[in-house]
Amino acid sequence: MPNTTVLIVDDSRVSRLVTRQHILARHADWTIAEAANGEDALAQAPALQPQLVLLDVNMPGMGGVAAAEQLRKLLPQAHISLLTANVQDATRQRAQDLGIGFMEKPITEERIARLIAPLEA
């Protein structure tokens, strides 16, 4: 089975680090890439071909929802999920419309476990 690659997109270095640690605690062999904003994620995605993309909603420059729309076209098979502390029905609905996941912050081991479960099947 090919190595699983996860792209973590968050302007908070601490959030990226916590997410990385939770994933690697379960799957030390997975490749974790990081981006600080939507533009950076879009620049990296074609070469990375991640199976999972976790996107913060509120970031400077291109936010998570706009990046998710573009990434959905670039990576039709990828699991994409928004992560946000700002839980608004409109954002949740937009995620549903795009066919992507939605997870509330703070990032916890349990929430990460639910996000990566489809990749473990």
C-alpha atoms as a PDB file:
ATOM      1  CA  MET A   1       0.000   0.000   0.000  1.00  0.00           C
ATOM      2  CA  PRO A   2       1.423   3.421  -0.893  1.00  0.00           C
ATOM      3  CA  ASN A   3       2.492   5.717   1.892  1.00  0.00           C
ATOM      4  CA  THR A   4      -0.304   7.932   3.197  1.00  0.00           C
ATOM      5  CA  THR A   5       0.354  11.658   2.924  1.00  0.00           C
ATOM      6  CA  VAL A   6      -1.477  14.269   4.993  1.00  0.00           C
ATOM      7  CA  LEU A   7      -1.352  18.003   4.287  1.00  0.00           C
ATOM      8  CA  ILE A   8      -2.032  20.185   7.341  1.00  0.00           C
ATOM      9  CA  VAL A   9      -2.965  23.755   6.416  1.00  0.00           C
ATOM     10  CA  ASP A  10      -3.111  26.222   9.303  1.00  0.00           C
ATOM     11  CA  ASP A  11      -1.589  29.640   9.926  1.00  0.00           C
ATOM     12  CA  SER A  12      -0.907  28.561  13.525  1.00  0.00           C
ATOM     13  CA  ARG A  13       2.389  26.690  13.822  1.00  0.00           C
ATOM     14  CA  VAL A  14       1.196  25.309  17.175  1.00  0.00           C
ATOM     15  CA  SER A  15      -1.996  23.902  15.619  1.00  0.00           C
ATOM     16  CA  ARG A  16       0.035  22.265  12.845  1.00  0.00           C
ATOM     17  CA  LEU A  17       2.408  20.761  15.413  1.00  0.00           C
ATOM     18  CA  VAL A  18      -0.407  19.393  17.612  1.00  0.00           C
ATOM     19  CA  THR A  19      -2.186  17.898  14.582  1.00  0.00           C
ATOM     20  CA  ARG A  20       1.078  16.362  13.320  1.00  0.00           C
ATOM     21  CA  GLN A  21       1.775  14.802  16.737  1.00  0.00           C
ATOM     22  CA  HIS A  22      -1.713  13.276  16.999  1.00  0.00           C
ATOM     23  CA  ILE A  23      -1.444  11.733  13.523  1.00  0.00           C
ATOM     24  CA  LEU A  24       2.101  10.439  13.951  1.00  0.00           C
ATOM     25  CA  ALA A  25       1.202   8.918  17.342  1.00  0.00           C
ATOM     26  CA  ARG A  26      -1.180   6.632  15.445  1.00  0.00           C
ATOM     27  CA  HIS A  27       0.754   6.309  12.175  1.00  0.00           C
ATOM     28  CA  ALA A  28       4.473   6.980  12.548  1.00  0.00           C
ATOM     29  CA  ASP A  29       5.009   5.890   8.931  1.00  0.00           C
ATOM     30  CA  TRP A  30       2.717   8.515   7.376  1.00  0.00           C
ATOM     31  CA  THR A  31       4.139  11.548   5.595  1.00  0.00           C
ATOM     32  CA  ILE A  32       2.986  14.871   7.038  1.00  0.00           C
ATOM     33  CA  ALA A  33       3.346  18.074   5.026  1.00  0.00           C
ATOM     34  CA  GLU A  34       2.446  21.536   6.270  1.00  0.00           C
ATOM     35  CA  ALA A  35       1.260  24.773   4.717  1.00  0.00           C
ATOM     36  CA  ALA A  36       0.588  28.099   6.452  1.00  0.00           C
ATOM     37  CA  ASN A  37      -2.184  29.252   4.093  1.00  0.00           C
ATOM     38  CA  GLY A  38      -4.388  28.279   1.165  1.00  0.00           C
ATOM     39  CA  GLU A  39      -1.981  29.540  -1.492  1.00  0.00           C
ATOM     40  CA  ASP A  40       0.849  27.463  -0.039  1.00  0.00           C
ATOM     41  CA  ALA A  41      -1.422  24.400   0.108  1.00  0.00           C
ATOM     42  CA  LEU A  42      -2.402  24.786  -3.546  1.00  0.00           C
ATOM     43  CA  ALA A  43       1.251  25.169  -4.532  1.00  0.00           C
ATOM     44  CA  GLN A  44       2.219  21.945  -2.716  1.00  0.00           C
ATOM     45  CA  ALA A  45      -0.798  19.753  -3.468  1.00  0.00           C
ATOM     46  CA  PRO A  46      -0.006  18.682  -7.068  1.00  0.00           C
ATOM     47  CA  ALA A  47       3.394  17.239  -6.122  1.00  0.00           C
ATOM     48  CA  LEU A  48       2.270  15.821  -2.773  1.00  0.00           C
ATOM     49  CA  GLN A  49      -0.999  14.214  -3.914  1.00  0.00           C
ATOM     50  CA  PRO A  50      -2.148  13.947  -0.275  1.00  0.00           C
ATOM     51  CA  GLN A  51      -4.859  11.472   0.664  1.00  0.00           C
ATOM     52  CA  LEU A  52      -6.012  13.802   3.461  1.00  0.00           C
ATOM     53  CA  VAL A  53      -6.020  17.607   3.648  1.00  0.00           C
ATOM     54  CA  LEU A  54      -6.907  19.354   6.908  1.00  0.00           C
ATOM     55  CA  LEU A  55      -7.669  23.049   6.460  1.00  0.00           C
ATOM     56  CA  ASP A  56      -8.086  25.811   8.995  1.00  0.00           C
ATOM     57  CA  VAL A  57     -10.973  28.055   7.913  1.00  0.00           C
ATOM     58  CA  ASN A  58      -9.595  31.445   8.963  1.00  0.00           C
ATOM     59  CA  MET A  59      -6.127  32.172   7.580  1.00  0.00           C
ATOM     60  CA  PRO A  60      -4.464  35.253   6.103  1.00  0.00           C
ATOM     61  CA  GLY A  61      -4.689  35.300   2.324  1.00  0.00           C
ATOM     62  CA  MET A  62      -6.733  32.439   0.948  1.00  0.00           C
ATOM     63  CA  GLY A  63      -8.865  30.892   3.670  1.00  0.00           C
ATOM     64  CA  GLY A  64      -9.771  27.250   4.107  1.00  0.00           C
ATOM     65  CA  VAL A  65     -13.116  27.272   2.292  1.00  0.00           C
ATOM     66  CA  ALA A  66     -11.694  28.903  -0.859  1.00  0.00           C
ATOM     67  CA  ALA A  67      -8.680  26.581  -0.754  1.00  0.00           C
ATOM     68  CA  ALA A  68     -10.960  23.555  -0.274  1.00  0.00           C
ATOM     69  CA  GLU A  69     -12.939  24.482  -3.396  1.00  0.00           C
ATOM     70  CA  GLN A  70      -9.734  24.530  -5.474  1.00  0.00           C
ATOM     71  CA  LEU A  71      -8.235  21.456  -3.803  1.00  0.00           C
ATOM     72  CA  ARG A  72     -11.422  19.479  -4.462  1.00  0.00           C
ATOM     73  CA  LYS A  73     -10.793  20.020  -8.211  1.00  0.00           C
ATOM     74  CA  LEU A  74      -7.062  19.255  -7.947  1.00  0.00           C
ATOM     75  CA  LEU A  75      -7.477  16.212  -5.692  1.00  0.00           C
ATOM     76  CA  PRO A  76     -10.857  14.634  -6.471  1.00  0.00           C
ATOM     77  CA  GLN A  77     -10.049  11.464  -4.502  1.00  0.00           C
ATOM     78  CA  ALA A  78      -8.633  13.162  -1.403  1.00  0.00           C
ATOM     79  CA  HIS A  79     -10.392  13.408   1.933  1.00  0.00           C
ATOM     80  CA  ILE A  80     -10.615  17.126   2.701  1.00  0.00           C
ATOM     81  CA  SER A  81     -11.783  18.517   6.009  1.00  0.00           C
ATOM     82  CA  LEU A  82     -12.142  22.002   7.436  1.00  0.00           C
ATOM     83  CA  LEU A  83     -10.962  22.601  10.993  1.00  0.00           C
ATOM     84  CA  THR A  84     -12.280  25.649  12.767  1.00  0.00           C
ATOM     85  CA  ALA A  85     -12.966  27.178  16.132  1.00  0.00           C
ATOM     86  CA  ASN A  86     -15.480  29.462  14.413  1.00  0.00           C
ATOM     87  CA  VAL A  87     -18.413  27.083  14.070  1.00  0.00           C
ATOM     88  CA  GLN A  88     -21.004  28.760  11.900  1.00  0.00           C
ATOM     89  CA  ASP A  89     -23.868  26.991  10.187  1.00  0.00           C
ATOM     90  CA  ALA A  90     -22.978  28.695   6.883  1.00  0.00           C
ATOM     91  CA  THR A  91     -19.439  27.276   6.999  1.00  0.00           C
ATOM     92  CA  ARG A  92     -20.707  23.829   7.957  1.00  0.00           C
ATOM     93  CA  GLN A  93     -23.253  23.970   5.089  1.00  0.00           C
ATOM     94  CA  ARG A  94     -20.563  25.088   2.606  1.00  0.00           C
ATOM     95  CA  ALA A  95     -18.390  22.137   3.646  1.00  0.00           C
ATOM     96  CA  GLN A  96     -21.333  19.799   3.117  1.00  0.00           C
ATOM     97  CA  ASP A  97     -22.039  21.342  -0.305  1.00  0.00           C
ATOM     98  CA  LEU A  98     -18.404  20.764  -1.311  1.00  0.00           C
ATOM     99  CA  GLY A  99     -18.485  17.191  -0.058  1.00  0.00           C
ATOM    100  CA  ILE A 100     -15.777  17.826   2.513  1.00  0.00           C
ATOM    101  CA  GLY A 101     -15.550  17.164   6.219  1.00  0.00           C
ATOM    102  CA  PHE A 102     -15.952  19.617   9.057  1.00  0.00           C
ATOM    103  CA  MET A 103     -14.297  19.353  12.449  1.00  0.00           C
ATOM    104  CA  GLU A 104     -14.390  21.752  15.370  1.00  0.00           C
ATOM    105  CA  LYS A 105     -11.263  22.916  17.130  1.00  0.00           C
ATOM    106  CA  PRO A 106      -9.586  22.450  19.502  1.00  0.00           C
ATOM    107  CA  ILE A 107      -7.768  19.595  17.837  1.00  0.00           C
ATOM    108  CA  THR A 108      -7.899  16.541  20.079  1.00  0.00           C
ATOM    109  CA  GLU A 109      -6.644  12.994  19.725  1.00  0.00           C
ATOM    110  CA  GLU A 110     -10.240  11.768  19.425  1.00  0.00           C
ATOM    111  CA  ARG A 111     -11.122  14.266  16.665  1.00  0.00           C
ATOM    112  CA  ILE A 112      -7.995  13.405  14.693  1.00  0.00           C
ATOM    113  CA  ALA A 113      -8.828   9.706  15.072  1.00  0.00           C
ATOM    114  CA  ARG A 114     -12.241  10.344  13.476  1.00  0.00           C
ATOM    115  CA  LEU A 115     -10.681  12.360  10.637  1.00  0.00           C
ATOM    116  CA  ILE A 116      -8.133   9.726   9.711  1.00  0.00           C
ATOM    117  CA  ALA A 117     -10.446   6.711  10.168  1.00  0.00           C
ATOM    118  CA  PRO A 118     -11.429   6.590   6.447  1.00  0.00           C
ATOM    119  CA  LEU A 119      -7.739   6.251   5.526  1.00  0.00           C
ATOM    120  CA  GLU A 120      -7.275   3.332   7.904  1.00  0.00           C
ATOM    121  CA  ALA A 121      -9.978   1.185   6.315  1.00  0.00           C
END
